[in-house]
N, C-alpha and C. Protein backbone atom coordinates (compact mmCIF):
# COMPACT_ATOMS: atom_id res chain seq x y z
N MET A 1 -15.73 2.12 -17.72
CA MET A 1 -16.62 3.18 -17.99
C MET A 1 -16.11 4.55 -17.61
N VAL A 2 -16.59 5.66 -18.17
CA VAL A 2 -15.94 6.94 -18.32
C VAL A 2 -16.04 7.30 -16.64
N THR A 3 -16.98 7.05 -16.06
CA THR A 3 -17.00 7.55 -14.35
C THR A 3 -15.99 6.87 -13.60
N GLN A 4 -15.74 5.65 -13.88
CA GLN A 4 -14.63 4.99 -13.24
C GLN A 4 -13.20 5.57 -13.46
N ILE A 5 -12.98 6.02 -14.89
CA ILE A 5 -11.88 6.82 -15.20
C ILE A 5 -11.75 8.04 -14.48
N ALA A 6 -12.78 8.74 -14.60
CA ALA A 6 -12.94 9.95 -14.02
C ALA A 6 -12.51 10.00 -12.45
N ASP A 7 -13.09 8.98 -11.62
CA ASP A 7 -12.83 8.83 -10.38
C ASP A 7 -11.31 8.46 -10.02
N ARG A 8 -10.93 7.76 -10.84
CA ARG A 8 -9.35 7.36 -10.75
C ARG A 8 -8.49 8.38 -11.05
N VAL A 9 -8.83 9.26 -12.02
CA VAL A 9 -7.68 10.33 -12.36
C VAL A 9 -8.16 11.78 -11.50
N GLY A 10 -9.31 11.63 -10.94
CA GLY A 10 -9.47 13.03 -10.14
C GLY A 10 -10.06 14.04 -10.92
N LEU A 11 -10.60 13.82 -12.12
CA LEU A 11 -11.19 14.88 -12.96
C LEU A 11 -12.66 14.45 -12.93
N SER A 12 -13.42 15.74 -13.52
CA SER A 12 -15.07 15.60 -13.50
C SER A 12 -15.34 14.47 -14.60
N SER A 13 -16.42 14.00 -14.53
CA SER A 13 -16.77 13.09 -15.58
C SER A 13 -17.05 13.82 -16.90
N SER A 14 -17.52 15.05 -16.97
CA SER A 14 -17.63 15.68 -18.23
C SER A 14 -16.08 15.82 -18.91
N ALA A 15 -15.26 16.10 -18.07
CA ALA A 15 -13.90 16.49 -18.75
C ALA A 15 -13.48 15.01 -19.28
N ASN A 16 -13.68 14.16 -18.46
CA ASN A 16 -13.05 12.78 -19.04
C ASN A 16 -13.91 12.26 -20.48
N THR A 17 -15.33 12.55 -20.49
CA THR A 17 -16.06 12.17 -21.49
C THR A 17 -15.57 12.89 -22.67
N ILE A 18 -15.20 14.37 -22.54
CA ILE A 18 -14.70 15.00 -23.85
C ILE A 18 -13.50 14.37 -24.26
N ALA A 19 -12.40 13.93 -23.40
CA ALA A 19 -11.15 13.34 -23.73
C ALA A 19 -11.49 11.98 -24.38
N VAL A 20 -12.24 11.09 -23.81
CA VAL A 20 -12.60 9.91 -24.38
C VAL A 20 -13.27 10.05 -25.75
N ASN A 21 -14.02 10.88 -25.92
CA ASN A 21 -14.69 11.20 -27.09
C ASN A 21 -13.53 11.55 -28.21
N LYS A 22 -12.81 12.31 -27.89
CA LYS A 22 -11.69 12.78 -28.91
C LYS A 22 -10.77 11.50 -29.19
N LEU A 23 -10.34 10.67 -28.09
CA LEU A 23 -9.59 9.44 -28.40
C LEU A 23 -10.35 8.47 -29.31
N VAL A 24 -11.67 8.41 -29.10
CA VAL A 24 -12.50 7.50 -29.93
C VAL A 24 -12.68 7.96 -31.50
N LYS A 25 -12.69 9.22 -31.48
CA LYS A 25 -12.76 9.99 -32.88
C LYS A 25 -11.42 9.72 -33.55
N GLU A 26 -10.46 9.83 -32.73
CA GLU A 26 -9.03 9.54 -33.42
C GLU A 26 -8.58 8.09 -33.67
N GLY A 27 -9.45 7.17 -33.20
CA GLY A 27 -9.37 5.65 -33.47
C GLY A 27 -8.50 5.07 -32.30
N LEU A 28 -8.13 5.71 -31.31
CA LEU A 28 -7.26 5.17 -30.16
C LEU A 28 -7.90 4.40 -29.14
N LEU A 29 -9.21 4.69 -28.88
CA LEU A 29 -10.07 4.09 -27.97
C LEU A 29 -11.38 3.56 -28.74
N LYS A 30 -12.16 2.59 -28.05
CA LYS A 30 -13.47 2.30 -28.78
C LYS A 30 -14.38 2.05 -27.57
N ARG A 31 -15.59 2.31 -27.93
CA ARG A 31 -16.79 1.90 -26.80
C ARG A 31 -17.35 0.67 -27.06
N VAL A 32 -17.47 -0.22 -26.20
CA VAL A 32 -18.02 -1.52 -26.25
C VAL A 32 -19.16 -1.80 -25.34
N LYS A 33 -20.53 -1.87 -25.96
CA LYS A 33 -21.69 -2.18 -25.08
C LYS A 33 -21.46 -3.44 -24.20
N ASP A 34 -21.84 -3.41 -23.07
CA ASP A 34 -21.79 -4.61 -22.15
C ASP A 34 -23.03 -5.57 -22.79
N LYS A 35 -22.53 -6.77 -22.71
CA LYS A 35 -23.36 -7.87 -23.24
C LYS A 35 -24.67 -8.08 -22.26
N GLN A 36 -24.65 -8.08 -21.10
CA GLN A 36 -25.77 -8.09 -20.10
C GLN A 36 -26.52 -6.87 -19.89
N ASP A 37 -25.89 -5.76 -19.73
CA ASP A 37 -26.60 -4.55 -19.52
C ASP A 37 -26.20 -3.37 -20.66
N LYS A 38 -27.23 -3.34 -21.46
CA LYS A 38 -26.98 -2.35 -22.64
C LYS A 38 -26.75 -0.89 -22.19
N ARG A 39 -27.05 -0.44 -20.91
CA ARG A 39 -26.81 0.77 -20.36
C ARG A 39 -25.25 1.03 -20.31
N ILE A 40 -24.38 0.01 -20.06
CA ILE A 40 -23.16 0.14 -19.79
C ILE A 40 -22.31 0.00 -20.82
N CYS A 41 -21.52 1.08 -21.17
CA CYS A 41 -20.68 1.31 -22.27
C CYS A 41 -19.17 1.20 -21.75
N TRP A 42 -18.41 0.02 -22.04
CA TRP A 42 -16.85 -0.06 -21.58
C TRP A 42 -16.08 0.65 -22.66
N ILE A 43 -14.90 1.09 -22.22
CA ILE A 43 -13.99 1.55 -23.12
C ILE A 43 -12.72 0.69 -23.26
N GLU A 44 -12.46 0.57 -24.58
CA GLU A 44 -11.32 -0.43 -24.80
C GLU A 44 -10.12 0.30 -25.64
N ILE A 45 -8.87 0.06 -25.49
CA ILE A 45 -7.85 0.53 -26.23
C ILE A 45 -7.83 -0.17 -27.58
N THR A 46 -7.66 0.46 -28.75
CA THR A 46 -7.65 -0.09 -29.99
C THR A 46 -6.13 -0.57 -30.25
N PRO A 47 -5.90 -1.24 -31.45
CA PRO A 47 -4.53 -1.55 -31.94
C PRO A 47 -3.71 -0.28 -31.92
N ALA A 48 -4.31 0.90 -32.59
CA ALA A 48 -3.73 1.92 -32.91
C ALA A 48 -3.22 2.75 -31.59
N GLY A 49 -4.34 2.64 -30.73
CA GLY A 49 -4.24 3.26 -29.31
C GLY A 49 -2.96 2.66 -28.61
N GLN A 50 -2.83 1.18 -28.78
CA GLN A 50 -1.79 0.43 -28.11
C GLN A 50 -0.35 0.93 -28.83
N SER A 51 -0.38 1.03 -29.96
CA SER A 51 0.76 1.73 -30.61
C SER A 51 1.21 3.04 -30.19
N ALA A 52 0.25 3.86 -30.23
CA ALA A 52 0.39 5.23 -29.74
C ALA A 52 0.94 5.45 -28.44
N LEU A 53 0.33 4.42 -27.46
CA LEU A 53 0.82 4.42 -26.02
C LEU A 53 2.22 3.84 -25.95
N ALA A 54 2.56 2.70 -26.85
CA ALA A 54 3.99 2.09 -26.62
C ALA A 54 5.02 3.23 -27.19
N GLU A 55 4.67 4.15 -28.07
CA GLU A 55 5.48 5.12 -28.55
C GLU A 55 5.69 6.24 -27.39
N MET A 56 4.65 6.46 -26.83
CA MET A 56 4.63 7.68 -25.75
C MET A 56 5.57 7.17 -24.64
N ILE A 57 5.36 5.92 -24.28
CA ILE A 57 6.22 5.27 -23.21
C ILE A 57 7.46 5.26 -23.59
N GLU A 58 7.88 5.00 -24.78
CA GLU A 58 9.23 4.87 -25.29
C GLU A 58 9.86 6.31 -25.09
N LYS A 59 9.18 7.36 -25.56
CA LYS A 59 9.66 8.65 -25.49
C LYS A 59 9.89 9.11 -24.09
N ARG A 60 8.91 8.69 -23.18
CA ARG A 60 8.94 9.03 -21.66
C ARG A 60 10.38 8.41 -21.29
N ASN A 61 10.59 7.20 -21.56
CA ASN A 61 11.58 6.51 -21.00
C ASN A 61 12.98 7.24 -21.61
N LEU A 62 13.01 7.56 -22.81
CA LEU A 62 14.24 8.42 -23.18
C LEU A 62 14.49 9.65 -22.57
N VAL A 63 13.53 10.27 -22.18
CA VAL A 63 13.54 11.67 -21.35
C VAL A 63 14.07 11.16 -20.22
N PHE A 64 13.53 10.40 -19.42
CA PHE A 64 14.00 9.98 -18.11
C PHE A 64 15.38 9.58 -18.10
N GLN A 65 15.65 8.69 -18.97
CA GLN A 65 17.17 8.19 -19.28
C GLN A 65 18.11 9.41 -19.10
N ASN A 66 17.69 10.35 -20.11
CA ASN A 66 18.56 11.68 -20.44
C ASN A 66 18.67 12.24 -19.08
N ILE A 67 17.58 12.49 -18.50
CA ILE A 67 17.72 13.30 -17.16
C ILE A 67 18.43 12.61 -15.96
N LEU A 68 18.29 11.26 -16.05
CA LEU A 68 18.81 10.63 -14.78
C LEU A 68 20.27 10.32 -15.19
N ASP A 69 20.63 10.30 -16.35
CA ASP A 69 22.12 10.08 -16.66
C ASP A 69 22.98 10.87 -15.82
N ASP A 70 22.54 12.02 -15.54
CA ASP A 70 23.46 13.03 -14.78
C ASP A 70 23.38 12.84 -13.18
N PHE A 71 22.50 11.91 -12.68
CA PHE A 71 22.22 11.94 -11.40
C PHE A 71 23.38 11.14 -10.75
N SER A 72 23.80 11.46 -9.56
CA SER A 72 24.76 10.70 -8.74
C SER A 72 24.08 9.58 -8.19
N ASP A 73 24.74 8.66 -7.75
CA ASP A 73 24.08 7.42 -7.16
C ASP A 73 23.25 7.79 -5.93
N GLU A 74 23.69 8.78 -5.16
CA GLU A 74 23.02 9.02 -3.84
C GLU A 74 21.62 9.74 -4.39
N HIS A 75 21.78 10.56 -5.40
CA HIS A 75 20.40 11.24 -5.98
C HIS A 75 19.48 10.23 -6.53
N LEU A 76 19.97 9.33 -7.21
CA LEU A 76 19.37 8.21 -7.77
C LEU A 76 18.44 7.44 -6.59
N THR A 77 19.32 7.16 -5.68
CA THR A 77 18.64 6.44 -4.51
C THR A 77 17.37 7.19 -3.84
N ILE A 78 17.70 8.50 -3.74
CA ILE A 78 16.54 9.33 -3.25
C ILE A 78 15.54 9.41 -4.14
N PHE A 79 15.61 9.48 -5.33
CA PHE A 79 14.69 9.62 -6.31
C PHE A 79 13.88 8.33 -6.22
N LEU A 80 14.42 7.33 -6.20
CA LEU A 80 13.77 5.77 -6.35
C LEU A 80 12.92 5.66 -5.06
N ARG A 81 13.49 6.06 -4.04
CA ARG A 81 12.67 5.84 -2.69
C ARG A 81 11.50 6.71 -3.02
N SER A 82 11.51 7.99 -3.37
CA SER A 82 10.26 8.87 -3.59
C SER A 82 9.45 8.32 -4.56
N LEU A 83 9.93 7.67 -5.60
CA LEU A 83 8.86 6.89 -6.64
C LEU A 83 8.23 5.68 -5.77
N ARG A 84 8.80 5.11 -5.23
CA ARG A 84 8.34 3.90 -4.41
C ARG A 84 7.27 4.33 -3.48
N VAL A 85 7.31 5.63 -2.76
CA VAL A 85 6.29 6.01 -1.92
C VAL A 85 5.15 6.42 -2.73
N ILE A 86 5.34 7.13 -3.96
CA ILE A 86 4.33 7.51 -4.92
C ILE A 86 3.51 6.31 -5.29
N GLN A 87 4.30 5.30 -5.74
CA GLN A 87 3.73 4.13 -6.31
C GLN A 87 2.78 3.41 -5.15
N GLU A 88 3.18 3.42 -4.16
CA GLU A 88 2.51 2.84 -2.80
C GLU A 88 1.30 3.45 -2.85
N LYS A 89 1.25 4.84 -2.70
CA LYS A 89 0.01 5.55 -2.83
C LYS A 89 -1.05 5.25 -3.83
N PHE A 90 -0.48 5.22 -5.07
CA PHE A 90 -1.39 4.73 -6.20
C PHE A 90 -2.05 3.21 -6.02
N THR A 91 -1.23 2.41 -5.73
CA THR A 91 -1.60 1.00 -5.59
C THR A 91 -2.38 0.48 -4.55
N THR A 92 -2.43 1.61 -3.44
CA THR A 92 -3.37 1.35 -2.25
C THR A 92 -4.70 2.08 -2.52
N GLY A 93 -4.82 2.51 -3.65
CA GLY A 93 -6.22 3.13 -4.09
C GLY A 93 -6.30 4.48 -3.71
N TYR A 94 -5.02 5.29 -3.43
CA TYR A 94 -5.17 6.63 -2.99
C TYR A 94 -5.78 7.38 -4.32
N THR A 95 -7.08 8.01 -4.20
CA THR A 95 -7.49 8.55 -5.18
C THR A 95 -7.90 10.05 -4.88
N GLN A 96 -7.67 10.59 -3.72
CA GLN A 96 -8.16 11.83 -3.21
C GLN A 96 -7.72 13.00 -4.16
N HIS A 97 -8.48 13.91 -4.64
CA HIS A 97 -7.96 14.97 -5.51
C HIS A 97 -7.20 15.95 -4.61
N PRO A 98 -6.17 16.46 -5.00
CA PRO A 98 -5.40 17.56 -4.49
C PRO A 98 -6.13 18.55 -3.75
N LEU A 99 -7.06 19.07 -4.39
CA LEU A 99 -7.73 20.31 -4.08
C LEU A 99 -8.66 19.92 -2.78
N GLN A 100 -9.16 18.59 -2.79
CA GLN A 100 -9.85 18.16 -1.58
C GLN A 100 -9.02 17.93 -0.43
N MET A 101 -7.94 17.50 -0.86
CA MET A 101 -6.99 17.44 0.31
C MET A 101 -6.64 18.95 0.99
N GLN A 102 -6.20 19.87 0.30
CA GLN A 102 -6.00 21.31 0.65
C GLN A 102 -7.27 21.80 1.55
N SER A 103 -8.46 21.44 1.13
CA SER A 103 -9.58 22.07 1.97
C SER A 103 -9.75 21.30 3.24
N GLN A 104 -9.32 20.25 3.31
CA GLN A 104 -9.46 19.42 4.51
C GLN A 104 -8.58 19.76 5.60
N SER A 105 -7.38 20.19 5.08
CA SER A 105 -6.21 20.57 6.03
C SER A 105 -6.31 22.21 6.55
N LEU A 106 -7.26 22.84 5.89
CA LEU A 106 -7.50 24.23 6.36
C LEU A 106 -8.15 24.32 7.81
């Protein structure tokens, strides 16, 4: 559901609805009505969306490979440690928006 996506990425529901509408229009996502509750509409990735996602991931991996080729072993170790910390925050459900964090620390 769009509200769940909005909560996860820390953007407003309306901003996510606009993005989802655009991706549906482009054929990358589709809306699927819930069989039990017709008020609920799920978002699914289409085969074209899967293909576009795979292409984006491949391009991202090439960019990272080009950047990281110049890193020393020490820099790579530090970078990987940092990524693990970030991954840990995401996998433990860390979803607080950065602006909310700033206002709480004031």
